[in-house]
Amino acid sequence: TKYGMDFRFLYNIPLSIMYVLRYEAAAFLVTSVCTETGFG
Protein backbone atom coordinates (compact mmCIF):
# COMPACT_ATOMS: atom_id res chain seq x y z
CA THR A 1 0.00 0.00 0.00
CA LYS A 2 2.79 2.42 0.84
CA TYR A 3 5.29 1.49 -1.88
CA GLY A 4 4.86 1.50 -5.62
CA MET A 5 5.23 -1.31 -8.12
CA ASP A 6 8.74 -0.19 -9.10
CA PHE A 7 9.95 -0.36 -5.48
CA ARG A 8 8.40 -3.79 -4.98
CA PHE A 9 10.18 -5.08 -8.08
CA LEU A 10 13.57 -3.50 -7.29
CA TYR A 11 13.41 -4.72 -3.67
CA ASN A 12 14.14 -8.18 -5.09
CA ILE A 13 17.67 -7.13 -6.06
CA PRO A 14 19.25 -7.12 -2.58
CA LEU A 15 17.29 -10.26 -1.67
CA SER A 16 18.64 -12.06 -4.75
CA ILE A 17 22.20 -10.98 -3.87
CA MET A 18 21.72 -12.26 -0.33
CA TYR A 19 20.42 -15.58 -1.67
CA VAL A 20 23.50 -16.04 -3.85
CA LEU A 21 25.87 -15.07 -1.02
CA ARG A 22 24.26 -17.49 1.44
CA TYR A 23 24.17 -20.35 -1.05
CA GLU A 24 27.77 -19.85 -2.19
CA ALA A 25 29.06 -19.49 1.39
CA ALA A 26 27.41 -22.80 2.30
CA ALA A 27 28.91 -24.43 -0.82
CA PHE A 28 32.39 -23.17 0.06
CA LEU A 29 32.14 -24.55 3.60
CA VAL A 30 30.81 -27.90 2.41
CA THR A 31 33.41 -28.39 -0.30
CA SER A 32 36.22 -27.24 2.00
CA VAL A 33 35.59 -30.35 4.13
CA CYS A 34 35.97 -32.51 1.03
CA THR A 35 38.98 -30.53 -0.19
CA GLU A 36 40.89 -30.88 3.07
CA THR A 37 40.70 -34.67 2.82
CA GLY A 38 41.89 -34.58 -0.79
CA PHE A 39 38.52 -35.77 -2.01
CA GLY A 40 37.81 -35.03 -5.67
PDB file of all heavy atoms in Angstrom:
ATOM      1  N   THR A   1       0.810  -1.219   0.000  1.00  0.00           N
ATOM      2  CA  THR A   1       0.000   0.000   0.000  1.00  0.00           C
ATOM      3  C   THR A   1       0.845   1.270   0.000  1.00  0.00           C
ATOM      4  O   THR A   1       0.500   2.252  -0.654  1.00  0.00           O
ATOM      5  CB  THR A   1      -0.922   0.014   1.233  1.00  0.00           C
ATOM      6  OG1 THR A   1      -0.128  -0.090   2.435  1.00  0.00           O
ATOM      7  CG2 THR A   1      -1.915  -1.147   1.182  1.00  0.00           C
ATOM      8  N   LYS A   2       1.954   1.222   0.702  1.00  0.00           N
ATOM      9  CA  LYS A   2       2.794   2.419   0.838  1.00  0.00           C
ATOM     10  C   LYS A   2       3.773   2.569  -0.316  1.00  0.00           C
ATOM     11  O   LYS A   2       4.085   3.690  -0.742  1.00  0.00           O
ATOM     12  CB  LYS A   2       3.543   2.354   2.177  1.00  0.00           C
ATOM     13  CG  LYS A   2       4.412   3.572   2.446  1.00  0.00           C
ATOM     14  CD  LYS A   2       5.096   3.443   3.801  1.00  0.00           C
ATOM     15  CE  LYS A   2       5.995   4.656   4.076  1.00  0.00           C
ATOM     16  NZ  LYS A   2       6.685   4.540   5.380  1.00  0.00           N
ATOM     17  N   TYR A   3       4.271   1.441  -0.837  1.00  0.00           N
ATOM     18  CA  TYR A   3       5.292   1.490  -1.878  1.00  0.00           C
ATOM     19  C   TYR A   3       4.693   1.160  -3.236  1.00  0.00           C
ATOM     20  O   TYR A   3       3.716   0.412  -3.350  1.00  0.00           O
ATOM     21  CB  TYR A   3       6.417   0.501  -1.565  1.00  0.00           C
ATOM     22  CG  TYR A   3       7.098   0.760  -0.237  1.00  0.00           C
ATOM     23  CD1 TYR A   3       6.794  -0.030   0.874  1.00  0.00           C
ATOM     24  CD2 TYR A   3       8.020   1.785  -0.087  1.00  0.00           C
ATOM     25  CE1 TYR A   3       7.404   0.211   2.099  1.00  0.00           C
ATOM     26  CE2 TYR A   3       8.632   2.028   1.132  1.00  0.00           C
ATOM     27  CZ  TYR A   3       8.318   1.229   2.220  1.00  0.00           C
ATOM     28  OH  TYR A   3       8.921   1.460   3.427  1.00  0.00           O
ATOM     29  N   GLY A   4       5.339   1.705  -4.265  1.00  0.00           N
ATOM     30  CA  GLY A   4       4.856   1.497  -5.620  1.00  0.00           C
ATOM     31  C   GLY A   4       5.354   0.194  -6.219  1.00  0.00           C
ATOM     32  O   GLY A   4       6.170  -0.529  -5.633  1.00  0.00           O
ATOM     33  N   MET A   5       4.888  -0.072  -7.425  1.00  0.00           N
ATOM     34  CA  MET A   5       5.229  -1.313  -8.122  1.00  0.00           C
ATOM     35  C   MET A   5       6.727  -1.377  -8.435  1.00  0.00           C
ATOM     36  O   MET A   5       7.341  -2.432  -8.349  1.00  0.00           O
ATOM     37  CB  MET A   5       4.410  -1.409  -9.406  1.00  0.00           C
ATOM     38  CG  MET A   5       4.725  -2.606 -10.272  1.00  0.00           C
ATOM     39  SD  MET A   5       3.676  -2.638 -11.744  1.00  0.00           S
ATOM     40  CE  MET A   5       4.464  -3.972 -12.652  1.00  0.00           C
ATOM     41  N   ASP A   6       7.316  -0.218  -8.780  1.00  0.00           N
ATOM     42  CA  ASP A   6       8.744  -0.194  -9.096  1.00  0.00           C
ATOM     43  C   ASP A   6       9.586  -0.546  -7.883  1.00  0.00           C
ATOM     44  O   ASP A   6      10.561  -1.298  -7.983  1.00  0.00           O
ATOM     45  CB  ASP A   6       9.140   1.169  -9.650  1.00  0.00           C
ATOM     46  CG  ASP A   6       8.757   2.310  -8.702  1.00  0.00           C
ATOM     47  OD1 ASP A   6       7.932   2.081  -7.802  1.00  0.00           O
ATOM     48  OD2 ASP A   6       9.273   3.435  -8.881  1.00  0.00           O
ATOM     49  N   PHE A   7       9.203  -0.028  -6.699  1.00  0.00           N
ATOM     50  CA  PHE A   7       9.946  -0.356  -5.482  1.00  0.00           C
ATOM     51  C   PHE A   7       9.820  -1.828  -5.146  1.00  0.00           C
ATOM     52  O   PHE A   7      10.801  -2.474  -4.759  1.00  0.00           O
ATOM     53  CB  PHE A   7       9.436   0.482  -4.309  1.00  0.00           C
ATOM     54  CG  PHE A   7      10.102   0.167  -2.997  1.00  0.00           C
ATOM     55  CD1 PHE A   7      11.280   0.795  -2.629  1.00  0.00           C
ATOM     56  CD2 PHE A   7       9.565  -0.783  -2.136  1.00  0.00           C
ATOM     57  CE1 PHE A   7      11.909   0.497  -1.423  1.00  0.00           C
ATOM     58  CE2 PHE A   7      10.177  -1.087  -0.929  1.00  0.00           C
ATOM     59  CZ  PHE A   7      11.353  -0.445  -0.582  1.00  0.00           C
ATOM     60  N   ARG A   8       8.608  -2.388  -5.291  1.00  0.00           N
ATOM     61  CA  ARG A   8       8.402  -3.795  -4.978  1.00  0.00           C
ATOM     62  C   ARG A   8       9.225  -4.696  -5.897  1.00  0.00           C
ATOM     63  O   ARG A   8       9.709  -5.756  -5.469  1.00  0.00           O
ATOM     64  CB  ARG A   8       6.912  -4.140  -5.081  1.00  0.00           C
ATOM     65  CG  ARG A   8       6.066  -3.499  -4.012  1.00  0.00           C
ATOM     66  CD  ARG A   8       4.699  -4.145  -3.925  1.00  0.00           C
ATOM     67  NE  ARG A   8       3.912  -3.930  -5.123  1.00  0.00           N
ATOM     68  CZ  ARG A   8       3.110  -2.896  -5.322  1.00  0.00           C
ATOM     69  NH1 ARG A   8       3.000  -1.952  -4.393  1.00  0.00           N
ATOM     70  NH2 ARG A   8       2.414  -2.792  -6.442  1.00  0.00           N
ATOM     71  N   PHE A   9       9.375  -4.282  -7.159  1.00  0.00           N
ATOM     72  CA  PHE A   9      10.184  -5.080  -8.081  1.00  0.00           C
ATOM     73  C   PHE A   9      11.669  -4.948  -7.765  1.00  0.00           C
ATOM     74  O   PHE A   9      12.396  -5.954  -7.696  1.00  0.00           O
ATOM     75  CB  PHE A   9       9.914  -4.642  -9.525  1.00  0.00           C
ATOM     76  CG  PHE A   9      10.658  -5.457 -10.545  1.00  0.00           C
ATOM     77  CD1 PHE A   9      10.191  -6.707 -10.931  1.00  0.00           C
ATOM     78  CD2 PHE A   9      11.833  -4.991 -11.111  1.00  0.00           C
ATOM     79  CE1 PHE A   9      10.885  -7.472 -11.862  1.00  0.00           C
ATOM     80  CE2 PHE A   9      12.531  -5.733 -12.048  1.00  0.00           C
ATOM     81  CZ  PHE A   9      12.048  -6.976 -12.418  1.00  0.00           C
ATOM     82  N   LEU A  10      12.142  -3.732  -7.538  1.00  0.00           N
ATOM     83  CA  LEU A  10      13.570  -3.504  -7.292  1.00  0.00           C
ATOM     84  C   LEU A  10      14.007  -4.014  -5.924  1.00  0.00           C
ATOM     85  O   LEU A  10      15.205  -4.253  -5.714  1.00  0.00           O
ATOM     86  CB  LEU A  10      13.892  -2.012  -7.418  1.00  0.00           C
ATOM     87  CG  LEU A  10      13.701  -1.415  -8.820  1.00  0.00           C
ATOM     88  CD1 LEU A  10      13.968   0.085  -8.801  1.00  0.00           C
ATOM     89  CD2 LEU A  10      14.611  -2.106  -9.819  1.00  0.00           C
ATOM     90  N   TYR A  11      13.056  -4.185  -4.998  1.00  0.00           N
ATOM     91  CA  TYR A  11      13.411  -4.718  -3.674  1.00  0.00           C
ATOM     92  C   TYR A  11      13.937  -6.147  -3.783  1.00  0.00           C
ATOM     93  O   TYR A  11      14.634  -6.634  -2.879  1.00  0.00           O
ATOM     94  CB  TYR A  11      12.196  -4.672  -2.743  1.00  0.00           C
ATOM     95  CG  TYR A  11      12.510  -5.043  -1.319  1.00  0.00           C
ATOM     96  CD1 TYR A  11      13.160  -4.145  -0.479  1.00  0.00           C
ATOM     97  CD2 TYR A  11      12.164  -6.292  -0.809  1.00  0.00           C
ATOM     98  CE1 TYR A  11      13.460  -4.484   0.838  1.00  0.00           C
ATOM     99  CE2 TYR A  11      12.452  -6.641   0.501  1.00  0.00           C
ATOM    100  CZ  TYR A  11      13.098  -5.726   1.322  1.00  0.00           C
ATOM    101  OH  TYR A  11      13.406  -6.067   2.618  1.00  0.00           O
ATOM    102  N   ASN A  12      13.636  -6.818  -4.893  1.00  0.00           N
ATOM    103  CA  ASN A  12      14.138  -8.177  -5.088  1.00  0.00           C
ATOM    104  C   ASN A  12      15.647  -8.228  -5.296  1.00  0.00           C
ATOM    105  O   ASN A  12      16.256  -9.276  -5.078  1.00  0.00           O
ATOM    106  CB  ASN A  12      13.456  -8.815  -6.311  1.00  0.00           C
ATOM    107  CG  ASN A  12      11.983  -9.065  -6.084  1.00  0.00           C
ATOM    108  OD1 ASN A  12      11.529  -9.242  -4.958  1.00  0.00           O
ATOM    109  ND2 ASN A  12      11.216  -9.070  -7.163  1.00  0.00           N
ATOM    110  N   ILE A  13      16.234  -7.119  -5.734  1.00  0.00           N
ATOM    111  CA  ILE A  13      17.671  -7.132  -6.064  1.00  0.00           C
ATOM    112  C   ILE A  13      18.533  -7.474  -4.853  1.00  0.00           C
ATOM    113  O   ILE A  13      19.352  -8.398  -4.912  1.00  0.00           O
ATOM    114  CB  ILE A  13      18.093  -5.791  -6.698  1.00  0.00           C
ATOM    115  CG1 ILE A  13      17.358  -5.588  -8.028  1.00  0.00           C
ATOM    116  CG2 ILE A  13      19.601  -5.740  -6.907  1.00  0.00           C
ATOM    117  CD1 ILE A  13      17.667  -4.266  -8.709  1.00  0.00           C
ATOM    118  N   PRO A  14      18.415  -6.733  -3.730  1.00  0.00           N
ATOM    119  CA  PRO A  14      19.248  -7.120  -2.578  1.00  0.00           C
ATOM    120  C   PRO A  14      18.923  -8.509  -2.040  1.00  0.00           C
ATOM    121  O   PRO A  14      19.813  -9.210  -1.563  1.00  0.00           O
ATOM    122  CB  PRO A  14      18.940  -6.033  -1.537  1.00  0.00           C
ATOM    123  CG  PRO A  14      17.633  -5.458  -1.939  1.00  0.00           C
ATOM    124  CD  PRO A  14      17.610  -5.530  -3.427  1.00  0.00           C
ATOM    125  N   LEU A  15      17.653  -8.923  -2.142  1.00  0.00           N
ATOM    126  CA  LEU A  15      17.294 -10.261  -1.670  1.00  0.00           C
ATOM    127  C   LEU A  15      17.922 -11.338  -2.542  1.00  0.00           C
ATOM    128  O   LEU A  15      18.343 -12.401  -2.046  1.00  0.00           O
ATOM    129  CB  LEU A  15      15.774 -10.427  -1.654  1.00  0.00           C
ATOM    130  CG  LEU A  15      15.022 -10.028  -0.370  1.00  0.00           C
ATOM    131  CD1 LEU A  15      15.470 -10.886   0.803  1.00  0.00           C
ATOM    132  CD2 LEU A  15      15.198  -8.558  -0.049  1.00  0.00           C
ATOM    133  N   SER A  16      17.994 -11.087  -3.852  1.00  0.00           N
ATOM    134  CA  SER A  16      18.641 -12.060  -4.745  1.00  0.00           C
ATOM    135  C   SER A  16      20.142 -12.129  -4.484  1.00  0.00           C
ATOM    136  O   SER A  16      20.732 -13.215  -4.514  1.00  0.00           O
ATOM    137  CB  SER A  16      18.374 -11.684  -6.201  1.00  0.00           C
ATOM    138  OG  SER A  16      18.953 -10.421  -6.519  1.00  0.00           O
ATOM    139  N   ILE A  17      20.764 -10.990  -4.203  1.00  0.00           N
ATOM    140  CA  ILE A  17      22.196 -10.980  -3.870  1.00  0.00           C
ATOM    141  C   ILE A  17      22.441 -11.752  -2.578  1.00  0.00           C
ATOM    142  O   ILE A  17      23.393 -12.539  -2.470  1.00  0.00           O
ATOM    143  CB  ILE A  17      22.710  -9.534  -3.755  1.00  0.00           C
ATOM    144  CG1 ILE A  17      22.617  -8.826  -5.108  1.00  0.00           C
ATOM    145  CG2 ILE A  17      24.154  -9.512  -3.243  1.00  0.00           C
ATOM    146  CD1 ILE A  17      22.978  -7.351  -5.062  1.00  0.00           C
ATOM    147  N   MET A  18      21.590 -11.544  -1.588  1.00  0.00           N
ATOM    148  CA  MET A  18      21.720 -12.263  -0.325  1.00  0.00           C
ATOM    149  C   MET A  18      21.554 -13.767  -0.525  1.00  0.00           C
ATOM    150  O   MET A  18      22.257 -14.571   0.103  1.00  0.00           O
ATOM    151  CB  MET A  18      20.689 -11.741   0.678  1.00  0.00           C
ATOM    152  CG  MET A  18      20.948 -10.336   1.159  1.00  0.00           C
ATOM    153  SD  MET A  18      19.547  -9.636   2.069  1.00  0.00           S
ATOM    154  CE  MET A  18      19.350 -10.831   3.385  1.00  0.00           C
ATOM    155  N   TYR A  19      20.637 -14.159  -1.402  1.00  0.00           N
ATOM    156  CA  TYR A  19      20.422 -15.580  -1.671  1.00  0.00           C
ATOM    157  C   TYR A  19      21.674 -16.211  -2.271  1.00  0.00           C
ATOM    158  O   TYR A  19      22.089 -17.306  -1.867  1.00  0.00           O
ATOM    159  CB  TYR A  19      19.237 -15.749  -2.609  1.00  0.00           C
ATOM    160  CG  TYR A  19      18.942 -17.184  -2.974  1.00  0.00           C
ATOM    161  CD1 TYR A  19      18.219 -18.004  -2.117  1.00  0.00           C
ATOM    162  CD2 TYR A  19      19.402 -17.719  -4.178  1.00  0.00           C
ATOM    163  CE1 TYR A  19      17.946 -19.322  -2.444  1.00  0.00           C
ATOM    164  CE2 TYR A  19      19.133 -19.042  -4.515  1.00  0.00           C
ATOM    165  CZ  TYR A  19      18.407 -19.835  -3.652  1.00  0.00           C
ATOM    166  OH  TYR A  19      18.164 -21.144  -3.986  1.00  0.00           O
ATOM    167  N   VAL A  20      22.288 -15.521  -3.221  1.00  0.00           N
ATOM    168  CA  VAL A  20      23.501 -16.037  -3.848  1.00  0.00           C
ATOM    169  C   VAL A  20      24.643 -16.117  -2.835  1.00  0.00           C
ATOM    170  O   VAL A  20      25.375 -17.116  -2.779  1.00  0.00           O
ATOM    171  CB  VAL A  20      23.905 -15.159  -5.047  1.00  0.00           C
ATOM    172  CG1 VAL A  20      25.271 -15.582  -5.597  1.00  0.00           C
ATOM    173  CG2 VAL A  20      22.855 -15.239  -6.144  1.00  0.00           C
ATOM    174  N   LEU A  21      24.796 -15.082  -2.021  1.00  0.00           N
ATOM    175  CA  LEU A  21      25.873 -15.066  -1.024  1.00  0.00           C
ATOM    176  C   LEU A  21      25.718 -16.221  -0.031  1.00  0.00           C
ATOM    177  O   LEU A  21      26.695 -16.904   0.304  1.00  0.00           O
ATOM    178  CB  LEU A  21      25.875 -13.732  -0.281  1.00  0.00           C
ATOM    179  CG  LEU A  21      26.325 -12.500  -1.078  1.00  0.00           C
ATOM    180  CD1 LEU A  21      26.091 -11.232  -0.251  1.00  0.00           C
ATOM    181  CD2 LEU A  21      27.793 -12.607  -1.458  1.00  0.00           C
ATOM    182  N   ARG A  22      24.500 -16.426   0.451  1.00  0.00           N
ATOM    183  CA  ARG A  22      24.261 -17.488   1.435  1.00  0.00           C
ATOM    184  C   ARG A  22      24.504 -18.870   0.828  1.00  0.00           C
ATOM    185  O   ARG A  22      25.119 -19.742   1.444  1.00  0.00           O
ATOM    186  CB  ARG A  22      22.832 -17.384   1.973  1.00  0.00           C
ATOM    187  CG  ARG A  22      22.464 -18.437   3.001  1.00  0.00           C
ATOM    188  CD  ARG A  22      21.148 -18.086   3.670  1.00  0.00           C
ATOM    189  NE  ARG A  22      20.073 -17.992   2.707  1.00  0.00           N
ATOM    190  CZ  ARG A  22      19.306 -19.027   2.341  1.00  0.00           C
ATOM    191  NH1 ARG A  22      19.531 -20.229   2.853  1.00  0.00           N
ATOM    192  NH2 ARG A  22      18.325 -18.869   1.475  1.00  0.00           N
ATOM    193  N   TYR A  23      24.029 -19.058  -0.394  1.00  0.00           N
ATOM    194  CA  TYR A  23      24.173 -20.354  -1.054  1.00  0.00           C
ATOM    195  C   TYR A  23      25.643 -20.646  -1.364  1.00  0.00           C
ATOM    196  O   TYR A  23      26.129 -21.761  -1.158  1.00  0.00           O
ATOM    197  CB  TYR A  23      23.348 -20.360  -2.346  1.00  0.00           C
ATOM    198  CG  TYR A  23      22.804 -21.711  -2.712  1.00  0.00           C
ATOM    199  CD1 TYR A  23      21.438 -21.989  -2.628  1.00  0.00           C
ATOM    200  CD2 TYR A  23      23.642 -22.729  -3.139  1.00  0.00           C
ATOM    201  CE1 TYR A  23      20.927 -23.235  -2.967  1.00  0.00           C
ATOM    202  CE2 TYR A  23      23.141 -23.976  -3.484  1.00  0.00           C
ATOM    203  CZ  TYR A  23      21.793 -24.217  -3.395  1.00  0.00           C
ATOM    204  OH  TYR A  23      21.301 -25.457  -3.729  1.00  0.00           O
ATOM    205  N   GLU A  24      26.372 -19.640  -1.848  1.00  0.00           N
ATOM    206  CA  GLU A  24      27.773 -19.854  -2.185  1.00  0.00           C
ATOM    207  C   GLU A  24      28.625 -20.041  -0.929  1.00  0.00           C
ATOM    208  O   GLU A  24      29.568 -20.839  -0.931  1.00  0.00           O
ATOM    209  CB  GLU A  24      28.304 -18.692  -3.021  1.00  0.00           C
ATOM    210  CG  GLU A  24      27.753 -18.638  -4.426  1.00  0.00           C
ATOM    211  CD  GLU A  24      28.698 -17.955  -5.399  1.00  0.00           C
ATOM    212  OE1 GLU A  24      29.927 -18.009  -5.167  1.00  0.00           O
ATOM    213  OE2 GLU A  24      28.216 -17.373  -6.386  1.00  0.00           O
ATOM    214  N   ALA A  25      28.317 -19.318   0.138  1.00  0.00           N
ATOM    215  CA  ALA A  25      29.058 -19.493   1.385  1.00  0.00           C
ATOM    216  C   ALA A  25      28.884 -20.910   1.914  1.00  0.00           C
ATOM    217  O   ALA A  25      29.859 -21.542   2.363  1.00  0.00           O
ATOM    218  CB  ALA A  25      28.582 -18.475   2.420  1.00  0.00           C
ATOM    219  N   ALA A  26      27.657 -21.425   1.865  1.00  0.00           N
ATOM    220  CA  ALA A  26      27.411 -22.804   2.295  1.00  0.00           C
ATOM    221  C   ALA A  26      28.170 -23.788   1.419  1.00  0.00           C
ATOM    222  O   ALA A  26      28.747 -24.768   1.908  1.00  0.00           O
ATOM    223  CB  ALA A  26      25.915 -23.105   2.270  1.00  0.00           C
ATOM    224  N   ALA A  27      28.197 -23.538   0.105  1.00  0.00           N
ATOM    225  CA  ALA A  27      28.909 -24.432  -0.815  1.00  0.00           C
ATOM    226  C   ALA A  27      30.409 -24.416  -0.544  1.00  0.00           C
ATOM    227  O   ALA A  27      31.072 -25.464  -0.588  1.00  0.00           O
ATOM    228  CB  ALA A  27      28.630 -24.028  -2.255  1.00  0.00           C
ATOM    229  N   PHE A  28      30.960 -23.253  -0.252  1.00  0.00           N
ATOM    230  CA  PHE A  28      32.390 -23.170   0.061  1.00  0.00           C
ATOM    231  C   PHE A  28      32.731 -23.954   1.329  1.00  0.00           C
ATOM    232  O   PHE A  28      33.734 -24.677   1.385  1.00  0.00           O
ATOM    233  CB  PHE A  28      32.815 -21.707   0.236  1.00  0.00           C
ATOM    234  CG  PHE A  28      33.061 -20.988  -1.055  1.00  0.00           C
ATOM    235  CD1 PHE A  28      32.487 -19.758  -1.298  1.00  0.00           C
ATOM    236  CD2 PHE A  28      33.876 -21.542  -2.032  1.00  0.00           C
ATOM    237  CE1 PHE A  28      32.707 -19.086  -2.493  1.00  0.00           C
ATOM    238  CE2 PHE A  28      34.110 -20.880  -3.234  1.00  0.00           C
ATOM    239  CZ  PHE A  28      33.528 -19.649  -3.458  1.00  0.00           C
ATOM    240  N   LEU A  29      31.881 -23.828   2.351  1.00  0.00           N
ATOM    241  CA  LEU A  29      32.137 -24.549   3.600  1.00  0.00           C
ATOM    242  C   LEU A  29      32.018 -26.054   3.408  1.00  0.00           C
ATOM    243  O   LEU A  29      32.824 -26.828   3.935  1.00  0.00           O
ATOM    244  CB  LEU A  29      31.157 -24.076   4.670  1.00  0.00           C
ATOM    245  CG  LEU A  29      31.366 -22.657   5.212  1.00  0.00           C
ATOM    246  CD1 LEU A  29      30.261 -22.305   6.197  1.00  0.00           C
ATOM    247  CD2 LEU A  29      32.731 -22.533   5.885  1.00  0.00           C
ATOM    248  N   VAL A  30      31.019 -26.469   2.640  1.00  0.00           N
ATOM    249  CA  VAL A  30      30.807 -27.902   2.409  1.00  0.00           C
ATOM    250  C   VAL A  30      31.964 -28.500   1.630  1.00  0.00           C
ATOM    251  O   VAL A  30      32.528 -29.536   2.000  1.00  0.00           O
ATOM    252  CB  VAL A  30      29.472 -28.131   1.670  1.00  0.00           C
ATOM    253  CG1 VAL A  30      29.378 -29.572   1.190  1.00  0.00           C
ATOM    254  CG2 VAL A  30      28.303 -27.816   2.585  1.00  0.00           C
ATOM    255  N   THR A  31      32.337 -27.853   0.531  1.00  0.00           N
ATOM    256  CA  THR A  31      33.414 -28.394  -0.305  1.00  0.00           C
ATOM    257  C   THR A  31      34.775 -28.279   0.356  1.00  0.00           C
ATOM    258  O   THR A  31      35.688 -29.040   0.024  1.00  0.00           O
ATOM    259  CB  THR A  31      33.453 -27.682  -1.663  1.00  0.00           C
ATOM    260  OG1 THR A  31      33.550 -26.257  -1.467  1.00  0.00           O
ATOM    261  CG2 THR A  31      32.192 -27.984  -2.462  1.00  0.00           C
ATOM    262  N   SER A  32      34.937 -27.350   1.305  1.00  0.00           N
ATOM    263  CA  SER A  32      36.224 -27.241   2.004  1.00  0.00           C
ATOM    264  C   SER A  32      36.494 -28.487   2.846  1.00  0.00           C
ATOM    265  O   SER A  32      37.648 -28.889   3.014  1.00  0.00           O
ATOM    266  CB  SER A  32      36.246 -25.990   2.886  1.00  0.00           C
ATOM    267  OG  SER A  32      35.304 -26.092   3.946  1.00  0.00           O
ATOM    268  N   VAL A  33      35.423 -29.103   3.376  1.00  0.00           N
ATOM    269  CA  VAL A  33      35.586 -30.352   4.127  1.00  0.00           C
ATOM    270  C   VAL A  33      36.098 -31.448   3.207  1.00  0.00           C
ATOM    271  O   VAL A  33      37.011 -32.213   3.559  1.00  0.00           O
ATOM    272  CB  VAL A  33      34.246 -30.773   4.772  1.00  0.00           C
ATOM    273  CG1 VAL A  33      34.402 -32.091   5.513  1.00  0.00           C
ATOM    274  CG2 VAL A  33      33.748 -29.693   5.707  1.00  0.00           C
ATOM    275  N   CYS A  34      35.522 -31.515   2.005  1.00  0.00           N
ATOM    276  CA  CYS A  34      35.969 -32.508   1.027  1.00  0.00           C
ATOM    277  C   CYS A  34      37.389 -32.207   0.559  1.00  0.00           C
ATOM    278  O   CYS A  34      38.217 -33.110   0.408  1.00  0.00           O
ATOM    279  CB  CYS A  34      35.023 -32.534  -0.171  1.00  0.00           C
ATOM    280  SG  CYS A  34      33.290 -32.843   0.240  1.00  0.00           S
ATOM    281  N   THR A  35      37.674 -30.927   0.331  1.00  0.00           N
ATOM    282  CA  THR A  35      38.983 -30.533  -0.187  1.00  0.00           C
ATOM    283  C   THR A  35      40.095 -30.861   0.793  1.00  0.00           C
ATOM    284  O   THR A  35      41.172 -31.334   0.403  1.00  0.00           O
ATOM    285  CB  THR A  35      38.982 -29.024  -0.495  1.00  0.00           C
ATOM    286  OG1 THR A  35      37.941 -28.727  -1.410  1.00  0.00           O
ATOM    287  CG2 THR A  35      40.315 -28.608  -1.099  1.00  0.00           C
ATOM    288  N   GLU A  36      39.852 -30.637   2.076  1.00  0.00           N
ATOM    289  CA  GLU A  36      40.891 -30.877   3.074  1.00  0.00           C
ATOM    290  C   GLU A  36      41.292 -32.341   3.137  1.00  0.00           C
ATOM    291  O   GLU A  36      42.434 -32.672   3.454  1.00  0.00           O
ATOM    292  CB  GLU A  36      40.399 -30.393   4.447  1.00  0.00           C
ATOM    293  CG  GLU A  36      41.377 -30.626   5.591  1.00  0.00           C
ATOM    294  CD  GLU A  36      42.729 -29.946   5.367  1.00  0.00           C
ATOM    295  OE1 GLU A  36      42.816 -29.045   4.511  1.00  0.00           O
ATOM    296  OE2 GLU A  36      43.693 -30.331   6.061  1.00  0.00           O
ATOM    297  N   THR A  37      40.380 -33.232   2.829  1.00  0.00           N
ATOM    298  CA  THR A  37      40.699 -34.668   2.824  1.00  0.00           C
ATOM    299  C   THR A  37      41.282 -35.124   1.487  1.00  0.00           C
ATOM    300  O   THR A  37      41.606 -36.308   1.334  1.00  0.00           O
ATOM    301  CB  THR A  37      39.435 -35.498   3.117  1.00  0.00           C
ATOM    302  OG1 THR A  37      38.471 -35.293   2.083  1.00  0.00           O
ATOM    303  CG2 THR A  37      38.837 -35.107   4.459  1.00  0.00           C
ATOM    304  N   GLY A  38      41.383 -34.202   0.526  1.00  0.00           N
ATOM    305  CA  GLY A  38      41.890 -34.578  -0.790  1.00  0.00           C
ATOM    306  C   GLY A  38      40.850 -35.245  -1.658  1.00  0.00           C
ATOM    307  O   GLY A  38      41.183 -35.847  -2.686  1.00  0.00           O
ATOM    308  N   PHE A  39      39.592 -35.114  -1.261  1.00  0.00           N
ATOM    309  CA  PHE A  39      38.519 -35.766  -2.010  1.00  0.00           C
ATOM    310  C   PHE A  39      38.208 -34.974  -3.269  1.00  0.00           C
ATOM    311  O   PHE A  39      37.986 -33.767  -3.230  1.00  0.00           O
ATOM    312  CB  PHE A  39      37.260 -35.868  -1.149  1.00  0.00           C
ATOM    313  CG  PHE A  39      36.160 -36.683  -1.757  1.00  0.00           C
ATOM    314  CD1 PHE A  39      36.098 -38.054  -1.539  1.00  0.00           C
ATOM    315  CD2 PHE A  39      35.191 -36.099  -2.547  1.00  0.00           C
ATOM    316  CE1 PHE A  39      35.085 -38.811  -2.095  1.00  0.00           C
ATOM    317  CE2 PHE A  39      34.178 -36.841  -3.104  1.00  0.00           C
ATOM    318  CZ  PHE A  39      34.125 -38.207  -2.881  1.00  0.00           C
ATOM    319  N   GLY A  40      38.177 -35.668  -4.412  1.00  0.00           N
ATOM    320  CA  GLY A  40      37.807 -35.027  -5.666  1.00  0.00           C
ATOM    321  C   GLY A  40      38.928 -34.349  -6.411  1.00  0.00           C
ATOM    322  O   GLY A  40      38.672 -33.634  -7.382  1.00  0.00           O
TER     323      GLY A  40
END
